[in-house]
Amino acid sequence: MDWEFDENVIRALRAYVLRVTRALGLSGESSYVQEDTAYLALDGRLPGFPDRDVALLWDAERGWALALESDSSEPPFVVARMRDRVRPEPIAVARWVEGLELMTDKAVAAGDEMLAAS
């Protein structure tokens, strides 16, 4: 079966995801965009899950979600969903992510050192 994708839709989604990426201060290196989904790897970790990478996932029906990465055999596990429009303004996405208070890798390492010392 041949799939025909509307290139304008994909281009518009790529442009939107790029604006979100910039609002988050990310390079976009670890991201992808398909016709109705997007993936953005985030810097930092969620408190309580210091060994799991986190990512933003977007889909055309539900919008943005924060997910914990697992090993490559399992899909990411959604732990929070942005309850706004499907395509909120990029700055709104950035503010939502800021509110999640992700820990930096430096903070995770400091926590590991504190555990090792106790």
N, C-alpha and C. Protein backbone atom coordinates (compact mmCIF):
# COMPACT_ATOMS: atom_id res chain seq x y z
N MET A 1 0.84 -1.17 0.00
CA MET A 1 0.00 0.00 0.00
C MET A 1 0.89 1.24 0.00
N ASP A 2 0.62 2.16 -0.86
CA ASP A 2 1.37 3.42 -0.91
C ASP A 2 0.66 4.46 -0.05
N TRP A 3 1.44 5.09 0.80
CA TRP A 3 0.91 6.17 1.63
C TRP A 3 1.25 7.49 0.97
N GLU A 4 0.27 8.35 0.91
CA GLU A 4 0.52 9.70 0.40
C GLU A 4 0.36 10.68 1.55
N PHE A 5 1.44 11.31 1.90
CA PHE A 5 1.41 12.28 2.98
C PHE A 5 1.36 13.68 2.40
N ASP A 6 0.62 14.53 3.05
CA ASP A 6 0.55 15.92 2.65
C ASP A 6 1.81 16.61 3.16
N GLU A 7 2.71 16.94 2.27
CA GLU A 7 3.98 17.56 2.65
C GLU A 7 3.78 18.87 3.40
N ASN A 8 2.72 19.61 3.08
CA ASN A 8 2.46 20.86 3.79
C ASN A 8 2.17 20.63 5.27
N VAL A 9 1.44 19.55 5.56
CA VAL A 9 1.13 19.21 6.95
C VAL A 9 2.41 18.87 7.70
N ILE A 10 3.25 18.07 7.09
CA ILE A 10 4.51 17.68 7.73
C ILE A 10 5.42 18.89 7.91
N ARG A 11 5.50 19.73 6.89
CA ARG A 11 6.32 20.94 7.00
C ARG A 11 5.84 21.85 8.12
N ALA A 12 4.53 22.02 8.21
CA ALA A 12 3.97 22.87 9.26
C ALA A 12 4.25 22.29 10.65
N LEU A 13 4.12 20.98 10.79
CA LEU A 13 4.41 20.34 12.07
C LEU A 13 5.90 20.46 12.41
N ARG A 14 6.76 20.26 11.44
CA ARG A 14 8.21 20.43 11.68
C ARG A 14 8.53 21.85 12.14
N ALA A 15 7.91 22.83 11.51
CA ALA A 15 8.14 24.23 11.89
C ALA A 15 7.65 24.48 13.32
N TYR A 16 6.48 23.94 13.66
CA TYR A 16 5.94 24.09 15.01
C TYR A 16 6.86 23.44 16.05
N VAL A 17 7.29 22.21 15.78
CA VAL A 17 8.17 21.50 16.71
C VAL A 17 9.51 22.23 16.84
N LEU A 18 10.00 22.81 15.77
CA LEU A 18 11.24 23.59 15.84
C LEU A 18 11.06 24.80 16.76
N ARG A 19 9.90 25.46 16.68
CA ARG A 19 9.64 26.60 17.56
C ARG A 19 9.56 26.15 19.03
N VAL A 20 8.95 24.99 19.26
CA VAL A 20 8.90 24.45 20.63
C VAL A 20 10.31 24.12 21.11
N THR A 21 11.10 23.50 20.24
CA THR A 21 12.49 23.15 20.57
C THR A 21 13.27 24.40 20.97
N ARG A 22 13.13 25.45 20.21
CA ARG A 22 13.84 26.71 20.52
C ARG A 22 13.34 27.33 21.82
N ALA A 23 12.02 27.27 22.06
CA ALA A 23 11.47 27.82 23.30
C ALA A 23 12.01 27.07 24.52
N LEU A 24 12.32 25.79 24.33
CA LEU A 24 12.88 24.98 25.40
C LEU A 24 14.39 25.14 25.54
N GLY A 25 15.00 25.84 24.59
CA GLY A 25 16.45 26.02 24.61
C GLY A 25 17.21 24.78 24.21
N LEU A 26 16.59 23.92 23.41
CA LEU A 26 17.23 22.67 22.97
C LEU A 26 17.77 22.81 21.56
N SER A 27 18.67 21.91 21.20
CA SER A 27 19.26 21.93 19.86
C SER A 27 18.38 21.21 18.85
N GLY A 28 17.57 20.27 19.30
CA GLY A 28 16.75 19.49 18.39
C GLY A 28 17.47 18.28 17.82
N GLU A 29 18.71 18.05 18.28
CA GLU A 29 19.48 16.90 17.79
C GLU A 29 18.77 15.59 18.03
N SER A 30 18.19 15.44 19.20
CA SER A 30 17.52 14.19 19.56
C SER A 30 16.01 14.37 19.44
N SER A 31 15.57 14.51 18.21
CA SER A 31 14.14 14.69 17.97
C SER A 31 13.77 14.12 16.62
N TYR A 32 12.49 13.88 16.45
CA TYR A 32 11.99 13.51 15.13
C TYR A 32 10.55 13.97 15.00
N VAL A 33 10.12 14.14 13.77
CA VAL A 33 8.75 14.54 13.46
C VAL A 33 8.24 13.64 12.35
N GLN A 34 7.06 13.09 12.57
CA GLN A 34 6.37 12.33 11.53
C GLN A 34 5.06 13.05 11.24
N GLU A 35 4.22 12.46 10.41
CA GLU A 35 3.01 13.17 10.00
C GLU A 35 2.12 13.57 11.17
N ASP A 36 1.95 12.70 12.16
CA ASP A 36 1.04 13.01 13.26
C ASP A 36 1.66 12.78 14.64
N THR A 37 2.99 12.69 14.70
CA THR A 37 3.68 12.52 15.98
C THR A 37 5.00 13.28 15.98
N ALA A 38 5.47 13.57 17.17
CA ALA A 38 6.79 14.19 17.32
C ALA A 38 7.41 13.70 18.62
N TYR A 39 8.73 13.74 18.67
CA TYR A 39 9.50 13.30 19.83
C TYR A 39 10.62 14.30 20.07
N LEU A 40 10.75 14.77 21.30
CA LEU A 40 11.84 15.68 21.69
C LEU A 40 12.48 15.15 22.98
N ALA A 41 13.73 14.75 22.90
CA ALA A 41 14.45 14.34 24.11
C ALA A 41 14.72 15.59 24.94
N LEU A 42 14.51 15.49 26.24
CA LEU A 42 14.74 16.61 27.15
C LEU A 42 16.01 16.39 27.95
N ASP A 43 16.62 17.49 28.38
CA ASP A 43 17.74 17.42 29.30
C ASP A 43 17.17 17.31 30.70
N GLY A 44 17.75 16.47 31.52
CA GLY A 44 17.31 16.35 32.90
C GLY A 44 16.57 15.06 33.17
N ARG A 45 16.18 14.91 34.42
CA ARG A 45 15.48 13.71 34.89
C ARG A 45 14.33 14.14 35.81
N LEU A 46 13.37 13.26 35.96
CA LEU A 46 12.29 13.51 36.92
C LEU A 46 12.73 13.07 38.31
N PRO A 47 12.42 13.86 39.33
CA PRO A 47 12.69 13.40 40.69
C PRO A 47 11.98 12.05 40.90
N GLY A 48 12.67 11.13 41.51
CA GLY A 48 12.10 9.80 41.72
C GLY A 48 12.47 8.82 40.63
N PHE A 49 12.96 9.32 39.51
CA PHE A 49 13.36 8.46 38.39
C PHE A 49 14.71 8.92 37.85
N PRO A 50 15.74 8.98 38.69
CA PRO A 50 17.02 9.54 38.26
C PRO A 50 17.73 8.73 37.19
N ASP A 51 17.33 7.48 37.00
CA ASP A 51 17.98 6.64 36.00
C ASP A 51 17.23 6.60 34.67
N ARG A 52 16.18 7.39 34.55
CA ARG A 52 15.37 7.38 33.32
C ARG A 52 15.47 8.71 32.59
N ASP A 53 15.76 8.65 31.29
CA ASP A 53 15.69 9.85 30.46
C ASP A 53 14.24 10.24 30.30
N VAL A 54 14.01 11.50 29.99
CA VAL A 54 12.65 11.98 29.76
C VAL A 54 12.55 12.60 28.37
N ALA A 55 11.35 12.58 27.84
CA ALA A 55 11.12 13.13 26.51
C ALA A 55 9.73 13.74 26.44
N LEU A 56 9.57 14.67 25.53
CA LEU A 56 8.25 15.19 25.20
C LEU A 56 7.76 14.45 23.98
N LEU A 57 6.54 13.99 24.05
CA LEU A 57 5.90 13.33 22.91
C LEU A 57 4.71 14.18 22.50
N TRP A 58 4.48 14.27 21.21
CA TRP A 58 3.32 15.00 20.71
C TRP A 58 2.57 14.10 19.75
N ASP A 59 1.25 14.10 19.85
CA ASP A 59 0.45 13.43 18.82
C ASP A 59 -0.74 14.31 18.46
N ALA A 60 -1.25 14.09 17.28
CA ALA A 60 -2.26 14.96 16.69
C ALA A 60 -3.58 14.95 17.44
N GLU A 61 -3.85 13.92 18.22
CA GLU A 61 -5.12 13.84 18.93
C GLU A 61 -5.06 14.39 20.35
N ARG A 62 -3.90 14.21 21.04
CA ARG A 62 -3.82 14.57 22.45
C ARG A 62 -2.82 15.65 22.78
N GLY A 63 -2.01 16.05 21.85
CA GLY A 63 -1.04 17.11 22.12
C GLY A 63 0.21 16.59 22.82
N TRP A 64 0.77 17.42 23.72
CA TRP A 64 2.06 17.15 24.36
C TRP A 64 1.92 16.30 25.62
N ALA A 65 2.90 15.42 25.81
CA ALA A 65 2.98 14.60 27.02
C ALA A 65 4.44 14.45 27.41
N LEU A 66 4.67 14.27 28.70
CA LEU A 66 6.01 13.97 29.20
C LEU A 66 6.08 12.47 29.43
N ALA A 67 7.15 11.86 28.96
CA ALA A 67 7.28 10.41 29.08
C ALA A 67 8.65 10.03 29.63
N LEU A 68 8.66 8.93 30.37
CA LEU A 68 9.90 8.34 30.84
C LEU A 68 10.38 7.35 29.79
N GLU A 69 11.66 7.42 29.49
CA GLU A 69 12.26 6.46 28.56
C GLU A 69 12.55 5.16 29.29
N SER A 70 12.42 4.07 28.57
CA SER A 70 12.81 2.77 29.12
C SER A 70 13.89 2.22 28.20
N ASP A 71 14.13 0.94 28.30
CA ASP A 71 15.10 0.39 27.35
C ASP A 71 14.45 0.37 25.97
N SER A 72 15.20 0.07 24.97
CA SER A 72 14.72 0.20 23.59
C SER A 72 13.62 -0.79 23.23
N SER A 73 13.36 -1.78 24.07
CA SER A 73 12.32 -2.75 23.74
C SER A 73 10.92 -2.30 24.17
N GLU A 74 10.85 -1.24 24.95
CA GLU A 74 9.56 -0.76 25.44
C GLU A 74 9.33 0.68 24.99
N PRO A 75 8.08 1.02 24.71
CA PRO A 75 7.81 2.43 24.35
C PRO A 75 7.93 3.31 25.59
N PRO A 76 8.13 4.61 25.39
CA PRO A 76 8.17 5.53 26.53
C PRO A 76 6.85 5.49 27.30
N PHE A 77 6.92 5.71 28.61
CA PHE A 77 5.76 5.65 29.49
C PHE A 77 5.32 7.07 29.84
N VAL A 78 4.12 7.44 29.43
CA VAL A 78 3.61 8.80 29.68
C VAL A 78 3.29 8.96 31.17
N VAL A 79 3.85 10.03 31.76
CA VAL A 79 3.62 10.31 33.18
C VAL A 79 2.89 11.64 33.41
N ALA A 80 2.82 12.48 32.39
CA ALA A 80 2.10 13.76 32.52
C ALA A 80 1.65 14.19 31.13
N ARG A 81 0.52 14.84 31.09
CA ARG A 81 -0.01 15.32 29.82
C ARG A 81 -0.39 16.79 29.97
N MET A 82 -0.04 17.58 28.97
CA MET A 82 -0.40 18.99 28.96
C MET A 82 -1.87 19.08 28.57
N ARG A 83 -2.67 19.62 29.46
CA ARG A 83 -4.12 19.65 29.25
C ARG A 83 -4.55 20.95 28.59
N ASP A 84 -3.95 21.26 27.50
CA ASP A 84 -4.25 22.49 26.79
C ASP A 84 -4.66 22.09 25.38
N ARG A 85 -4.60 23.01 24.51
CA ARG A 85 -4.89 22.72 23.11
C ARG A 85 -3.88 21.70 22.59
N VAL A 86 -4.21 21.11 21.45
CA VAL A 86 -3.32 20.13 20.84
C VAL A 86 -2.01 20.78 20.40
N ARG A 87 -2.09 22.02 19.92
CA ARG A 87 -0.89 22.76 19.51
C ARG A 87 -0.81 24.10 20.25
N PRO A 88 -0.48 24.04 21.54
CA PRO A 88 -0.36 25.31 22.27
C PRO A 88 0.85 26.09 21.78
N GLU A 89 0.89 27.35 22.13
CA GLU A 89 2.03 28.19 21.76
C GLU A 89 3.31 27.58 22.33
N PRO A 90 4.40 27.65 21.60
CA PRO A 90 5.67 27.08 22.08
C PRO A 90 6.08 27.57 23.46
N ILE A 91 5.86 28.84 23.77
CA ILE A 91 6.23 29.36 25.09
C ILE A 91 5.40 28.70 26.18
N ALA A 92 4.14 28.35 25.89
CA ALA A 92 3.30 27.66 26.87
C ALA A 92 3.85 26.26 27.14
N VAL A 93 4.34 25.59 26.11
CA VAL A 93 4.95 24.27 26.29
C VAL A 93 6.20 24.40 27.16
N ALA A 94 7.03 25.41 26.87
CA ALA A 94 8.26 25.62 27.64
C ALA A 94 7.94 25.90 29.11
N ARG A 95 6.92 26.71 29.37
CA ARG A 95 6.54 27.01 30.76
C ARG A 95 6.04 25.76 31.48
N TRP A 96 5.28 24.93 30.76
CA TRP A 96 4.79 23.68 31.34
C TRP A 96 5.96 22.78 31.72
N VAL A 97 6.93 22.65 30.83
CA VAL A 97 8.10 21.81 31.12
C VAL A 97 8.88 22.39 32.30
N GLU A 98 9.04 23.72 32.34
CA GLU A 98 9.73 24.35 33.49
C GLU A 98 9.03 24.00 34.80
N GLY A 99 7.72 23.97 34.78
CA GLY A 99 6.95 23.66 35.98
C GLY A 99 7.11 22.23 36.45
N LEU A 100 7.62 21.37 35.60
CA LEU A 100 7.83 19.97 35.98
C LEU A 100 9.08 19.80 36.84
N GLU A 101 9.92 20.83 36.89
CA GLU A 101 11.12 20.86 37.72
C GLU A 101 12.01 19.64 37.51
N LEU A 102 12.44 19.45 36.28
CA LEU A 102 13.35 18.36 35.97
C LEU A 102 14.69 18.60 36.65
N MET A 103 15.31 17.54 37.10
CA MET A 103 16.64 17.65 37.71
C MET A 103 17.69 17.61 36.62
N THR A 104 18.71 18.43 36.76
CA THR A 104 19.82 18.39 35.81
C THR A 104 20.67 17.16 36.09
N ASP A 105 21.49 16.79 35.11
CA ASP A 105 22.39 15.66 35.31
C ASP A 105 23.33 15.91 36.48
N LYS A 106 23.72 17.18 36.68
CA LYS A 106 24.61 17.53 37.80
C LYS A 106 23.91 17.26 39.13
N ALA A 107 22.63 17.60 39.22
CA ALA A 107 21.87 17.36 40.46
C ALA A 107 21.70 15.87 40.71
N VAL A 108 21.47 15.10 39.64
CA VAL A 108 21.35 13.65 39.78
C VAL A 108 22.66 13.07 40.30
N ALA A 109 23.79 13.51 39.73
CA ALA A 109 25.10 13.02 40.17
C ALA A 109 25.37 13.40 41.62
N ALA A 110 24.99 14.61 42.02
CA ALA A 110 25.18 15.04 43.41
C ALA A 110 24.35 14.18 44.35
N GLY A 111 23.14 13.85 43.95
CA GLY A 111 22.29 12.96 44.74
C GLY A 111 22.89 11.58 44.87
N ASP A 112 23.46 11.07 43.79
CA ASP A 112 24.12 9.76 43.82
C ASP A 112 25.31 9.79 44.78
N GLU A 113 26.07 10.90 44.76
CA GLU A 113 27.23 11.03 45.65
C GLU A 113 26.78 11.07 47.12
N MET A 114 25.67 11.76 47.38
CA MET A 114 25.16 11.83 48.75
C MET A 114 24.73 10.46 49.24
N LEU A 115 24.09 9.68 48.36
CA LEU A 115 23.67 8.34 48.74
C LEU A 115 24.88 7.45 49.01
N ALA A 116 25.91 7.57 48.18
CA ALA A 116 27.11 6.75 48.35
C ALA A 116 27.83 7.09 49.65
N ALA A 117 27.77 8.35 50.07
CA ALA A 117 28.47 8.79 51.28
C ALA A 117 27.74 8.37 52.55
N SER A 118 26.45 8.09 52.44
CA SER A 118 25.69 7.76 53.66
C SER A 118 25.74 6.29 54.00
